[in-house]
Amino acid sequence: MVEQETKALLNIKEMCEYLGIGQTKCRELLNSPKNGFTVRIGNRLYANKKKLDKWLDMQCCN
């Protein structure tokens, strides 16, 4: 299994563990068109880890 730190995309379960949030909030974030980190492959949603980290930094600085 590849560690989360080396993965480019995080699935919902991995994103929940990474951020320490529940699946409902995770899906809400991934469905937001303004976030800039969502990657849709077919019907599945993933978070681009680098863009997610940048988004988090911007949220903390506001």
PDB file of N, CA and C in Angstrom:
ATOM      1  N   MET A   1       0.844  -1.190   0.000  1.00  0.00           N
ATOM      2  CA  MET A   1       0.000   0.000   0.000  1.00  0.00           C
ATOM      3  C   MET A   1       0.884   1.246   0.000  1.00  0.00           C
ATOM      4  N   VAL A   2       0.496   2.241  -0.781  1.00  0.00           N
ATOM      5  CA  VAL A   2       1.244   3.487  -0.877  1.00  0.00           C
ATOM      6  C   VAL A   2       0.822   4.405   0.265  1.00  0.00           C
ATOM      7  N   GLU A   3       1.793   5.029   0.922  1.00  0.00           N
ATOM      8  CA  GLU A   3       1.483   5.938   2.012  1.00  0.00           C
ATOM      9  C   GLU A   3       0.831   7.210   1.488  1.00  0.00           C
ATOM     10  N   GLN A   4       0.019   7.846   2.333  1.00  0.00           N
ATOM     11  CA  GLN A   4      -0.700   9.059   1.934  1.00  0.00           C
ATOM     12  C   GLN A   4       0.252  10.188   1.561  1.00  0.00           C
ATOM     13  N   GLU A   5       1.402  10.253   2.188  1.00  0.00           N
ATOM     14  CA  GLU A   5       2.325  11.352   1.916  1.00  0.00           C
ATOM     15  C   GLU A   5       2.886  11.299   0.505  1.00  0.00           C
ATOM     16  N   THR A   6       2.940  10.110  -0.098  1.00  0.00           N
ATOM     17  CA  THR A   6       3.513   9.984  -1.430  1.00  0.00           C
ATOM     18  C   THR A   6       2.448   9.931  -2.525  1.00  0.00           C
ATOM     19  N   LYS A   7       1.178   9.855  -2.150  1.00  0.00           N
ATOM     20  CA  LYS A   7       0.104   9.777  -3.130  1.00  0.00           C
ATOM     21  C   LYS A   7      -0.258  11.166  -3.643  1.00  0.00           C
ATOM     22  N   ALA A   8      -0.572  11.245  -4.924  1.00  0.00           N
ATOM     23  CA  ALA A   8      -0.998  12.514  -5.516  1.00  0.00           C
ATOM     24  C   ALA A   8      -2.479  12.763  -5.266  1.00  0.00           C
ATOM     25  N   LEU A   9      -3.288  11.689  -5.265  1.00  0.00           N
ATOM     26  CA  LEU A   9      -4.729  11.811  -5.077  1.00  0.00           C
ATOM     27  C   LEU A   9      -5.163  11.033  -3.839  1.00  0.00           C
ATOM     28  N   LEU A  10      -6.058  11.637  -3.080  1.00  0.00           N
ATOM     29  CA  LEU A  10      -6.620  10.988  -1.908  1.00  0.00           C
ATOM     30  C   LEU A  10      -8.084  10.663  -2.172  1.00  0.00           C
ATOM     31  N   ASN A  11      -8.499   9.427  -1.856  1.00  0.00           N
ATOM     32  CA  ASN A  11      -9.920   9.116  -1.960  1.00  0.00           C
ATOM     33  C   ASN A  11     -10.637   9.664  -0.731  1.00  0.00           C
ATOM     34  N   ILE A  12     -11.933   9.482  -0.660  1.00  0.00           N
ATOM     35  CA  ILE A  12     -12.711  10.086   0.425  1.00  0.00           C
ATOM     36  C   ILE A  12     -12.252   9.570   1.784  1.00  0.00           C
ATOM     37  N   LYS A  13     -12.049   8.271   1.905  1.00  0.00           N
ATOM     38  CA  LYS A  13     -11.619   7.699   3.185  1.00  0.00           C
ATOM     39  C   LYS A  13     -10.265   8.273   3.612  1.00  0.00           C
ATOM     40  N   GLU A  14      -9.331   8.353   2.671  1.00  0.00           N
ATOM     41  CA  GLU A  14      -8.000   8.885   2.976  1.00  0.00           C
ATOM     42  C   GLU A  14      -8.056  10.366   3.326  1.00  0.00           C
ATOM     43  N   MET A  15      -8.908  11.118   2.617  1.00  0.00           N
ATOM     44  CA  MET A  15      -9.050  12.542   2.903  1.00  0.00           C
ATOM     45  C   MET A  15      -9.631  12.751   4.305  1.00  0.00           C
ATOM     46  N   CYS A  16     -10.605  11.920   4.674  1.00  0.00           N
ATOM     47  CA  CYS A  16     -11.194  11.997   6.015  1.00  0.00           C
ATOM     48  C   CYS A  16     -10.130  11.769   7.084  1.00  0.00           C
ATOM     49  N   GLU A  17      -9.298  10.762   6.894  1.00  0.00           N
ATOM     50  CA  GLU A  17      -8.230  10.463   7.849  1.00  0.00           C
ATOM     51  C   GLU A  17      -7.200  11.587   7.885  1.00  0.00           C
ATOM     52  N   TYR A  18      -6.863  12.121   6.726  1.00  0.00           N
ATOM     53  CA  TYR A  18      -5.854  13.172   6.608  1.00  0.00           C
ATOM     54  C   TYR A  18      -6.298  14.457   7.310  1.00  0.00           C
ATOM     55  N   LEU A  19      -7.586  14.813   7.142  1.00  0.00           N
ATOM     56  CA  LEU A  19      -8.103  16.045   7.714  1.00  0.00           C
ATOM     57  C   LEU A  19      -8.744  15.852   9.086  1.00  0.00           C
ATOM     58  N   GLY A  20      -9.059  14.623   9.430  1.00  0.00           N
ATOM     59  CA  GLY A  20      -9.718  14.364  10.705  1.00  0.00           C
ATOM     60  C   GLY A  20     -11.174  14.800  10.712  1.00  0.00           C
ATOM     61  N   ILE A  21     -11.848  14.627   9.571  1.00  0.00           N
ATOM     62  CA  ILE A  21     -13.255  15.004   9.447  1.00  0.00           C
ATOM     63  C   ILE A  21     -14.064  13.790   9.006  1.00  0.00           C
ATOM     64  N   GLY A  22     -15.394  13.907   9.070  1.00  0.00           N
ATOM     65  CA  GLY A  22     -16.281  12.825   8.659  1.00  0.00           C
ATOM     66  C   GLY A  22     -16.516  12.805   7.161  1.00  0.00           C
ATOM     67  N   GLN A  23     -17.126  11.715   6.710  1.00  0.00           N
ATOM     68  CA  GLN A  23     -17.367  11.546   5.280  1.00  0.00           C
ATOM     69  C   GLN A  23     -18.359  12.563   4.728  1.00  0.00           C
ATOM     70  N   THR A  24     -19.347  12.948   5.507  1.00  0.00           N
ATOM     71  CA  THR A  24     -20.337  13.917   5.022  1.00  0.00           C
ATOM     72  C   THR A  24     -19.663  15.249   4.708  1.00  0.00           C
ATOM     73  N   LYS A  25     -18.851  15.746   5.629  1.00  0.00           N
ATOM     74  CA  LYS A  25     -18.151  17.017   5.410  1.00  0.00           C
ATOM     75  C   LYS A  25     -17.136  16.881   4.271  1.00  0.00           C
ATOM     76  N   CYS A  26     -16.484  15.752   4.187  1.00  0.00           N
ATOM     77  CA  CYS A  26     -15.514  15.507   3.123  1.00  0.00           C
ATOM     78  C   CYS A  26     -16.194  15.568   1.756  1.00  0.00           C
ATOM     79  N   ARG A  27     -17.331  14.912   1.630  1.00  0.00           N
ATOM     80  CA  ARG A  27     -18.066  14.936   0.361  1.00  0.00           C
ATOM     81  C   ARG A  27     -18.562  16.344   0.032  1.00  0.00           C
ATOM     82  N   GLU A  28     -18.978  17.066   1.053  1.00  0.00           N
ATOM     83  CA  GLU A  28     -19.421  18.450   0.863  1.00  0.00           C
ATOM     84  C   GLU A  28     -18.279  19.305   0.306  1.00  0.00           C
ATOM     85  N   LEU A  29     -17.092  19.146   0.872  1.00  0.00           N
ATOM     86  CA  LEU A  29     -15.921  19.893   0.383  1.00  0.00           C
ATOM     87  C   LEU A  29     -15.572  19.499  -1.046  1.00  0.00           C
ATOM     88  N   LEU A  30     -15.594  18.204  -1.334  1.00  0.00           N
ATOM     89  CA  LEU A  30     -15.240  17.731  -2.672  1.00  0.00           C
ATOM     90  C   LEU A  30     -16.257  18.166  -3.721  1.00  0.00           C
ATOM     91  N   ASN A  31     -17.504  18.330  -3.330  1.00  0.00           N
ATOM     92  CA  ASN A  31     -18.547  18.750  -4.279  1.00  0.00           C
ATOM     93  C   ASN A  31     -18.571  20.250  -4.511  1.00  0.00           C
ATOM     94  N   SER A  32     -17.823  21.016  -3.728  1.00  0.00           N
ATOM     95  CA  SER A  32     -17.786  22.462  -3.897  1.00  0.00           C
ATOM     96  C   SER A  32     -16.966  22.816  -5.142  1.00  0.00           C
ATOM     97  N   PRO A  33     -17.560  23.539  -6.086  1.00  0.00           N
ATOM     98  CA  PRO A  33     -16.840  23.850  -7.331  1.00  0.00           C
ATOM     99  C   PRO A  33     -15.707  24.859  -7.146  1.00  0.00           C
ATOM    100  N   LYS A  34     -15.672  25.577  -6.035  1.00  0.00           N
ATOM    101  CA  LYS A  34     -14.678  26.631  -5.841  1.00  0.00           C
ATOM    102  C   LYS A  34     -13.388  26.150  -5.183  1.00  0.00           C
ATOM    103  N   ASN A  35     -13.335  24.926  -4.703  1.00  0.00           N
ATOM    104  CA  ASN A  35     -12.189  24.512  -3.898  1.00  0.00           C
ATOM    105  C   ASN A  35     -10.888  24.372  -4.685  1.00  0.00           C
ATOM    106  N   GLY A  36     -10.932  23.933  -5.919  1.00  0.00           N
ATOM    107  CA  GLY A  36      -9.731  23.829  -6.735  1.00  0.00           C
ATOM    108  C   GLY A  36      -8.919  22.565  -6.535  1.00  0.00           C
ATOM    109  N   PHE A  37      -9.303  21.692  -5.602  1.00  0.00           N
ATOM    110  CA  PHE A  37      -8.519  20.472  -5.369  1.00  0.00           C
ATOM    111  C   PHE A  37      -9.254  19.198  -5.771  1.00  0.00           C
ATOM    112  N   THR A  38     -10.515  19.307  -6.171  1.00  0.00           N
ATOM    113  CA  THR A  38     -11.292  18.117  -6.526  1.00  0.00           C
ATOM    114  C   THR A  38     -10.921  17.602  -7.905  1.00  0.00           C
ATOM    115  N   VAL A  39     -10.725  16.295  -7.980  1.00  0.00           N
ATOM    116  CA  VAL A  39     -10.486  15.607  -9.251  1.00  0.00           C
ATOM    117  C   VAL A  39     -11.592  14.575  -9.390  1.00  0.00           C
ATOM    118  N   ARG A  40     -12.325  14.650 -10.477  1.00  0.00           N
ATOM    119  CA  ARG A  40     -13.407  13.690 -10.729  1.00  0.00           C
ATOM    120  C   ARG A  40     -12.931  12.703 -11.781  1.00  0.00           C
ATOM    121  N   ILE A  41     -12.953  11.434 -11.426  1.00  0.00           N
ATOM    122  CA  ILE A  41     -12.622  10.366 -12.372  1.00  0.00           C
ATOM    123  C   ILE A  41     -13.839   9.453 -12.431  1.00  0.00           C
ATOM    124  N   GLY A  42     -14.560   9.547 -13.523  1.00  0.00           N
ATOM    125  CA  GLY A  42     -15.839   8.834 -13.622  1.00  0.00           C
ATOM    126  C   GLY A  42     -16.796   9.432 -12.609  1.00  0.00           C
ATOM    127  N   ASN A  43     -17.371   8.589 -11.777  1.00  0.00           N
ATOM    128  CA  ASN A  43     -18.285   9.048 -10.737  1.00  0.00           C
ATOM    129  C   ASN A  43     -17.582   9.266  -9.398  1.00  0.00           C
ATOM    130  N   ARG A  44     -16.309   8.994  -9.339  1.00  0.00           N
ATOM    131  CA  ARG A  44     -15.581   9.076  -8.076  1.00  0.00           C
ATOM    132  C   ARG A  44     -14.905  10.428  -7.902  1.00  0.00           C
ATOM    133  N   LEU A  45     -14.836  10.857  -6.655  1.00  0.00           N
ATOM    134  CA  LEU A  45     -14.196  12.123  -6.320  1.00  0.00           C
ATOM    135  C   LEU A  45     -12.911  11.864  -5.558  1.00  0.00           C
ATOM    136  N   TYR A  46     -11.881  12.600  -5.918  1.00  0.00           N
ATOM    137  CA  TYR A  46     -10.586  12.515  -5.256  1.00  0.00           C
ATOM    138  C   TYR A  46     -10.112  13.929  -4.946  1.00  0.00           C
ATOM    139  N   ALA A  47      -9.194  14.042  -4.013  1.00  0.00           N
ATOM    140  CA  ALA A  47      -8.589  15.330  -3.694  1.00  0.00           C
ATOM    141  C   ALA A  47      -7.133  15.296  -4.137  1.00  0.00           C
ATOM    142  N   ASN A  48      -6.728  16.293  -4.923  1.00  0.00           N
ATOM    143  CA  ASN A  48      -5.327  16.462  -5.274  1.00  0.00           C
ATOM    144  C   ASN A  48      -4.623  16.954  -4.000  1.00  0.00           C
ATOM    145  N   LYS A  49      -3.720  16.153  -3.473  1.00  0.00           N
ATOM    146  CA  LYS A  49      -3.136  16.427  -2.163  1.00  0.00           C
ATOM    147  C   LYS A  49      -2.376  17.752  -2.124  1.00  0.00           C
ATOM    148  N   LYS A  50      -1.610  18.065  -3.142  1.00  0.00           N
ATOM    149  CA  LYS A  50      -0.856  19.324  -3.152  1.00  0.00           C
ATOM    150  C   LYS A  50      -1.795  20.530  -3.156  1.00  0.00           C
ATOM    151  N   LYS A  51      -2.837  20.468  -3.984  1.00  0.00           N
ATOM    152  CA  LYS A  51      -3.791  21.572  -4.045  1.00  0.00           C
ATOM    153  C   LYS A  51      -4.618  21.653  -2.769  1.00  0.00           C
ATOM    154  N   LEU A  52      -4.908  20.504  -2.167  1.00  0.00           N
ATOM    155  CA  LEU A  52      -5.636  20.481  -0.891  1.00  0.00           C
ATOM    156  C   LEU A  52      -4.810  21.164   0.193  1.00  0.00           C
ATOM    157  N   ASP A  53      -3.514  20.873   0.229  1.00  0.00           N
ATOM    158  CA  ASP A  53      -2.636  21.510   1.215  1.00  0.00           C
ATOM    159  C   ASP A  53      -2.584  23.024   1.019  1.00  0.00           C
ATOM    160  N   LYS A  54      -2.516  23.473  -0.229  1.00  0.00           N
ATOM    161  CA  LYS A  54      -2.520  24.914  -0.514  1.00  0.00           C
ATOM    162  C   LYS A  54      -3.837  25.544  -0.093  1.00  0.00           C
ATOM    163  N   TRP A  55      -4.953  24.857  -0.368  1.00  0.00           N
ATOM    164  CA  TRP A  55      -6.271  25.345   0.017  1.00  0.00           C
ATOM    165  C   TRP A  55      -6.363  25.462   1.536  1.00  0.00           C
ATOM    166  N   LEU A  56      -5.843  24.464   2.241  1.00  0.00           N
ATOM    167  CA  LEU A  56      -5.852  24.498   3.700  1.00  0.00           C
ATOM    168  C   LEU A  56      -5.051  25.692   4.230  1.00  0.00           C
ATOM    169  N   ASP A  57      -3.895  25.943   3.640  1.00  0.00           N
ATOM    170  CA  ASP A  57      -3.076  27.094   4.045  1.00  0.00           C
ATOM    171  C   ASP A  57      -3.849  28.395   3.850  1.00  0.00           C
ATOM    172  N   MET A  58      -4.571  28.516   2.751  1.00  0.00           N
ATOM    173  CA  MET A  58      -5.336  29.725   2.494  1.00  0.00           C
ATOM    174  C   MET A  58      -6.480  29.877   3.499  1.00  0.00           C
ATOM    175  N   GLN A  59      -7.094  28.768   3.906  1.00  0.00           N
ATOM    176  CA  GLN A  59      -8.189  28.817   4.876  1.00  0.00           C
ATOM    177  C   GLN A  59      -7.692  29.233   6.248  1.00  0.00           C
ATOM    178  N   CYS A  60      -6.503  28.811   6.598  1.00  0.00           N
ATOM    179  CA  CYS A  60      -5.945  29.126   7.917  1.00  0.00           C
ATOM    180  C   CYS A  60      -5.514  30.585   8.012  1.00  0.00           C
ATOM    181  N   CYS A  61      -5.163  31.180   6.895  1.00  0.00           N
ATOM    182  CA  CYS A  61      -4.652  32.548   6.903  1.00  0.00           C
ATOM    183  C   CYS A  61      -5.760  33.591   6.822  1.00  0.00           C
ATOM    184  N   ASN A  62      -6.982  33.194   6.542  1.00  0.00           N
ATOM    185  CA  ASN A  62      -8.091  34.158   6.424  1.00  0.00           C
ATOM    186  C   ASN A  62      -8.618  34.569   7.765  1.00  0.00           C
TER     187      ASN A  62
END
